[in-house]
Amino acid sequence: MQLTRLWREHLAAGCPRELSGLEIAGMDARELDAEITACVSALLTHTLKVDGRIERRLVEVSADLARRQSSSEPPVAQYCARLNQLVSAVLTQSKVAS
């Protein structure tokens, strides 16, 4: 499953130190990372149904990650790209599961 692979890759890559103090989608980047990885875990274990509210938040996060990616230096840009792939996979998987 693509979502599982992306999640494992994201966890293995970790967070660059340049994220310290960075805000993405109105939230500290490290807290956002924890929120997204918890969402992925819950989706994979079938304990989360992505409703309209969650979907809107994920779309908001994805848009801000894309903006950050295009305006950031490589470590942060790569992190944003990777996290955005994960968010997009959550959105895709949630539609398949519906």
N, C-alpha and C. Protein backbone atom coordinates (compact mmCIF):
# COMPACT_ATOMS: atom_id res chain seq x y z
N MET A 1 0.85 -1.17 0.00
CA MET A 1 0.00 0.00 0.00
C MET A 1 0.90 1.24 0.00
N GLN A 2 0.61 2.18 -0.88
CA GLN A 2 1.42 3.37 -1.02
C GLN A 2 1.45 4.19 0.26
N LEU A 3 0.32 4.33 0.94
CA LEU A 3 0.26 5.12 2.16
C LEU A 3 1.22 4.57 3.21
N THR A 4 1.24 3.28 3.38
CA THR A 4 2.13 2.65 4.36
C THR A 4 3.59 2.92 4.01
N ARG A 5 3.93 2.78 2.74
CA ARG A 5 5.31 3.01 2.31
C ARG A 5 5.72 4.46 2.56
N LEU A 6 4.86 5.40 2.17
CA LEU A 6 5.15 6.82 2.36
C LEU A 6 5.30 7.16 3.85
N TRP A 7 4.45 6.57 4.66
CA TRP A 7 4.50 6.81 6.10
C TRP A 7 5.83 6.32 6.67
N ARG A 8 6.23 5.12 6.30
CA ARG A 8 7.50 4.57 6.79
C ARG A 8 8.68 5.43 6.35
N GLU A 9 8.66 5.85 5.08
CA GLU A 9 9.73 6.70 4.57
C GLU A 9 9.78 8.03 5.32
N HIS A 10 8.62 8.59 5.60
CA HIS A 10 8.57 9.87 6.31
C HIS A 10 9.10 9.70 7.73
N LEU A 11 8.70 8.67 8.41
CA LEU A 11 9.18 8.43 9.78
C LEU A 11 10.69 8.20 9.79
N ALA A 12 11.18 7.45 8.81
CA ALA A 12 12.61 7.17 8.75
C ALA A 12 13.43 8.43 8.46
N ALA A 13 12.89 9.32 7.66
CA ALA A 13 13.62 10.55 7.29
C ALA A 13 13.72 11.53 8.45
N GLY A 14 12.72 11.54 9.31
CA GLY A 14 12.73 12.45 10.45
C GLY A 14 12.50 13.90 10.04
N CYS A 15 12.65 14.78 11.00
CA CYS A 15 12.42 16.21 10.79
C CYS A 15 13.76 16.95 10.79
N PRO A 16 13.99 17.77 9.80
CA PRO A 16 15.24 18.55 9.80
C PRO A 16 15.24 19.58 10.93
N ARG A 17 16.39 19.88 11.44
CA ARG A 17 16.48 20.85 12.55
C ARG A 17 16.01 22.23 12.14
N GLU A 18 16.02 22.51 10.85
CA GLU A 18 15.56 23.81 10.34
C GLU A 18 14.07 24.04 10.55
N LEU A 19 13.33 23.00 10.94
CA LEU A 19 11.90 23.15 11.22
C LEU A 19 11.63 23.86 12.54
N SER A 20 12.63 23.93 13.38
CA SER A 20 12.45 24.53 14.70
C SER A 20 11.90 25.94 14.57
N GLY A 21 10.74 26.17 15.17
CA GLY A 21 10.10 27.48 15.16
C GLY A 21 9.29 27.79 13.91
N LEU A 22 9.28 26.90 12.94
CA LEU A 22 8.55 27.13 11.69
C LEU A 22 7.08 26.78 11.88
N GLU A 23 6.23 27.64 11.36
CA GLU A 23 4.78 27.40 11.43
C GLU A 23 4.28 27.01 10.03
N ILE A 24 3.50 25.95 9.99
CA ILE A 24 2.88 25.49 8.75
C ILE A 24 1.39 25.31 9.02
N ALA A 25 0.58 25.91 8.18
CA ALA A 25 -0.88 25.80 8.30
C ALA A 25 -1.36 26.18 9.70
N GLY A 26 -0.75 27.24 10.26
CA GLY A 26 -1.18 27.75 11.55
C GLY A 26 -0.74 26.94 12.75
N MET A 27 0.26 26.10 12.57
CA MET A 27 0.66 25.20 13.64
C MET A 27 2.18 25.01 13.59
N ASP A 28 2.79 24.81 14.75
CA ASP A 28 4.21 24.48 14.79
C ASP A 28 4.46 23.25 13.92
N ALA A 29 5.50 23.30 13.09
CA ALA A 29 5.75 22.23 12.12
C ALA A 29 5.88 20.85 12.77
N ARG A 30 6.54 20.78 13.91
CA ARG A 30 6.69 19.48 14.57
C ARG A 30 5.37 18.96 15.13
N GLU A 31 4.54 19.86 15.60
CA GLU A 31 3.21 19.46 16.08
C GLU A 31 2.34 19.01 14.91
N LEU A 32 2.45 19.73 13.80
CA LEU A 32 1.71 19.34 12.60
C LEU A 32 2.15 17.96 12.13
N ASP A 33 3.45 17.72 12.16
CA ASP A 33 3.97 16.41 11.76
C ASP A 33 3.36 15.32 12.62
N ALA A 34 3.30 15.54 13.92
CA ALA A 34 2.71 14.56 14.83
C ALA A 34 1.22 14.36 14.53
N GLU A 35 0.52 15.45 14.22
CA GLU A 35 -0.90 15.36 13.88
C GLU A 35 -1.12 14.52 12.61
N ILE A 36 -0.30 14.76 11.61
CA ILE A 36 -0.44 14.03 10.34
C ILE A 36 -0.07 12.56 10.53
N THR A 37 1.01 12.27 11.24
CA THR A 37 1.39 10.87 11.42
C THR A 37 0.35 10.13 12.27
N ALA A 38 -0.25 10.79 13.24
CA ALA A 38 -1.33 10.17 14.02
C ALA A 38 -2.54 9.90 13.14
N CYS A 39 -2.83 10.81 12.24
CA CYS A 39 -3.94 10.64 11.30
C CYS A 39 -3.69 9.42 10.41
N VAL A 40 -2.47 9.31 9.90
CA VAL A 40 -2.12 8.17 9.05
C VAL A 40 -2.26 6.86 9.83
N SER A 41 -1.73 6.84 11.03
CA SER A 41 -1.82 5.64 11.86
C SER A 41 -3.27 5.24 12.08
N ALA A 42 -4.10 6.21 12.44
CA ALA A 42 -5.51 5.93 12.69
C ALA A 42 -6.22 5.46 11.42
N LEU A 43 -5.87 6.04 10.29
CA LEU A 43 -6.49 5.62 9.03
C LEU A 43 -6.08 4.19 8.69
N LEU A 44 -4.81 3.88 8.88
CA LEU A 44 -4.32 2.53 8.55
C LEU A 44 -4.89 1.45 9.48
N THR A 45 -5.20 1.83 10.71
CA THR A 45 -5.75 0.86 11.65
C THR A 45 -7.28 0.89 11.67
N HIS A 46 -7.84 1.64 10.72
CA HIS A 46 -9.29 1.73 10.54
C HIS A 46 -10.01 2.28 11.76
N THR A 47 -9.33 3.18 12.50
CA THR A 47 -9.97 3.82 13.64
C THR A 47 -10.33 5.27 13.35
N LEU A 48 -10.16 5.66 12.08
CA LEU A 48 -10.47 7.03 11.69
C LEU A 48 -11.23 7.01 10.37
N LYS A 49 -12.30 7.75 10.34
CA LYS A 49 -13.01 8.00 9.09
C LYS A 49 -12.79 9.48 8.79
N VAL A 50 -12.25 9.75 7.63
CA VAL A 50 -11.98 11.12 7.24
C VAL A 50 -13.30 11.78 6.84
N ASP A 51 -13.76 12.68 7.70
CA ASP A 51 -15.00 13.40 7.43
C ASP A 51 -14.68 14.72 6.72
N GLY A 52 -15.69 15.50 6.45
CA GLY A 52 -15.51 16.76 5.74
C GLY A 52 -14.59 17.73 6.45
N ARG A 53 -14.68 17.78 7.77
CA ARG A 53 -13.82 18.68 8.55
C ARG A 53 -12.35 18.28 8.43
N ILE A 54 -12.08 16.99 8.57
CA ILE A 54 -10.70 16.50 8.46
C ILE A 54 -10.20 16.70 7.04
N GLU A 55 -11.03 16.41 6.07
CA GLU A 55 -10.62 16.59 4.68
C GLU A 55 -10.27 18.05 4.38
N ARG A 56 -11.09 18.99 4.86
CA ARG A 56 -10.79 20.41 4.65
C ARG A 56 -9.46 20.79 5.30
N ARG A 57 -9.21 20.29 6.49
CA ARG A 57 -7.95 20.58 7.18
C ARG A 57 -6.76 20.02 6.40
N LEU A 58 -6.90 18.80 5.90
CA LEU A 58 -5.81 18.20 5.12
C LEU A 58 -5.55 18.97 3.83
N VAL A 59 -6.60 19.45 3.19
CA VAL A 59 -6.44 20.25 1.97
C VAL A 59 -5.73 21.56 2.32
N GLU A 60 -6.10 22.18 3.43
CA GLU A 60 -5.44 23.41 3.89
C GLU A 60 -3.95 23.15 4.16
N VAL A 61 -3.66 22.07 4.84
CA VAL A 61 -2.28 21.71 5.16
C VAL A 61 -1.49 21.47 3.87
N SER A 62 -2.09 20.75 2.94
CA SER A 62 -1.43 20.45 1.68
C SER A 62 -1.08 21.72 0.91
N ALA A 63 -2.00 22.66 0.87
CA ALA A 63 -1.76 23.92 0.17
C ALA A 63 -0.62 24.70 0.81
N ASP A 64 -0.59 24.75 2.14
CA ASP A 64 0.49 25.49 2.82
C ASP A 64 1.82 24.76 2.66
N LEU A 65 1.81 23.44 2.68
CA LEU A 65 3.05 22.69 2.45
C LEU A 65 3.61 22.98 1.06
N ALA A 66 2.74 23.06 0.07
CA ALA A 66 3.19 23.37 -1.30
C ALA A 66 3.80 24.77 -1.36
N ARG A 67 3.18 25.73 -0.68
CA ARG A 67 3.74 27.09 -0.65
C ARG A 67 5.10 27.10 0.04
N ARG A 68 5.18 26.42 1.17
CA ARG A 68 6.45 26.37 1.91
C ARG A 68 7.54 25.68 1.09
N GLN A 69 7.17 24.63 0.40
CA GLN A 69 8.13 23.89 -0.39
C GLN A 69 8.77 24.80 -1.45
N SER A 70 7.94 25.60 -2.11
CA SER A 70 8.46 26.43 -3.19
C SER A 70 9.28 27.62 -2.69
N SER A 71 9.16 27.97 -1.41
CA SER A 71 9.86 29.16 -0.91
C SER A 71 10.92 28.84 0.15
N SER A 72 11.24 27.57 0.32
CA SER A 72 12.17 27.18 1.39
C SER A 72 13.47 26.62 0.83
N GLU A 73 14.47 26.61 1.70
CA GLU A 73 15.75 26.00 1.37
C GLU A 73 15.59 24.47 1.35
N PRO A 74 16.54 23.76 0.72
CA PRO A 74 16.39 22.32 0.50
C PRO A 74 15.94 21.44 1.66
N PRO A 75 16.51 21.53 2.87
CA PRO A 75 16.04 20.59 3.91
C PRO A 75 14.55 20.75 4.21
N VAL A 76 14.10 21.99 4.33
CA VAL A 76 12.69 22.23 4.64
C VAL A 76 11.82 21.93 3.41
N ALA A 77 12.29 22.30 2.23
CA ALA A 77 11.54 22.03 1.00
C ALA A 77 11.34 20.53 0.81
N GLN A 78 12.38 19.75 1.05
CA GLN A 78 12.27 18.29 0.92
C GLN A 78 11.31 17.72 1.95
N TYR A 79 11.39 18.23 3.16
CA TYR A 79 10.48 17.79 4.22
C TYR A 79 9.03 18.10 3.82
N CYS A 80 8.78 19.32 3.36
CA CYS A 80 7.43 19.72 2.96
C CYS A 80 6.91 18.85 1.82
N ALA A 81 7.76 18.56 0.87
CA ALA A 81 7.36 17.70 -0.26
C ALA A 81 6.98 16.31 0.23
N ARG A 82 7.79 15.77 1.13
CA ARG A 82 7.53 14.43 1.65
C ARG A 82 6.24 14.39 2.48
N LEU A 83 6.07 15.39 3.35
CA LEU A 83 4.86 15.42 4.17
C LEU A 83 3.63 15.65 3.29
N ASN A 84 3.77 16.45 2.26
CA ASN A 84 2.65 16.71 1.37
C ASN A 84 2.27 15.44 0.60
N GLN A 85 3.24 14.64 0.21
CA GLN A 85 2.93 13.34 -0.42
C GLN A 85 2.11 12.48 0.53
N LEU A 86 2.49 12.51 1.78
CA LEU A 86 1.77 11.73 2.79
C LEU A 86 0.34 12.23 2.95
N VAL A 87 0.18 13.54 3.03
CA VAL A 87 -1.16 14.14 3.16
C VAL A 87 -2.01 13.79 1.94
N SER A 88 -1.43 13.90 0.76
CA SER A 88 -2.17 13.55 -0.47
C SER A 88 -2.57 12.09 -0.50
N ALA A 89 -1.69 11.22 -0.01
CA ALA A 89 -2.02 9.79 0.05
C ALA A 89 -3.15 9.52 1.04
N VAL A 90 -3.18 10.27 2.14
CA VAL A 90 -4.28 10.12 3.11
C VAL A 90 -5.60 10.51 2.44
N LEU A 91 -5.59 11.63 1.74
CA LEU A 91 -6.81 12.08 1.04
C LEU A 91 -7.26 11.06 0.01
N THR A 92 -6.33 10.51 -0.74
CA THR A 92 -6.66 9.50 -1.75
C THR A 92 -7.18 8.23 -1.10
N GLN A 93 -6.49 7.76 -0.07
CA GLN A 93 -6.90 6.53 0.61
C GLN A 93 -8.26 6.69 1.26
N SER A 94 -8.53 7.85 1.81
CA SER A 94 -9.82 8.05 2.48
C SER A 94 -10.97 8.02 1.47
N LYS A 95 -10.71 8.47 0.26
CA LYS A 95 -11.75 8.42 -0.78
C LYS A 95 -11.99 6.98 -1.24
N VAL A 96 -10.92 6.18 -1.31
CA VAL A 96 -11.04 4.78 -1.70
C VAL A 96 -11.82 4.01 -0.64
N ALA A 97 -11.56 4.34 0.63
CA ALA A 97 -12.20 3.63 1.74
C ALA A 97 -13.66 4.02 1.91
N SER A 98 -14.06 5.15 1.35
CA SER A 98 -15.45 5.63 1.53
C SER A 98 -16.46 4.76 0.83
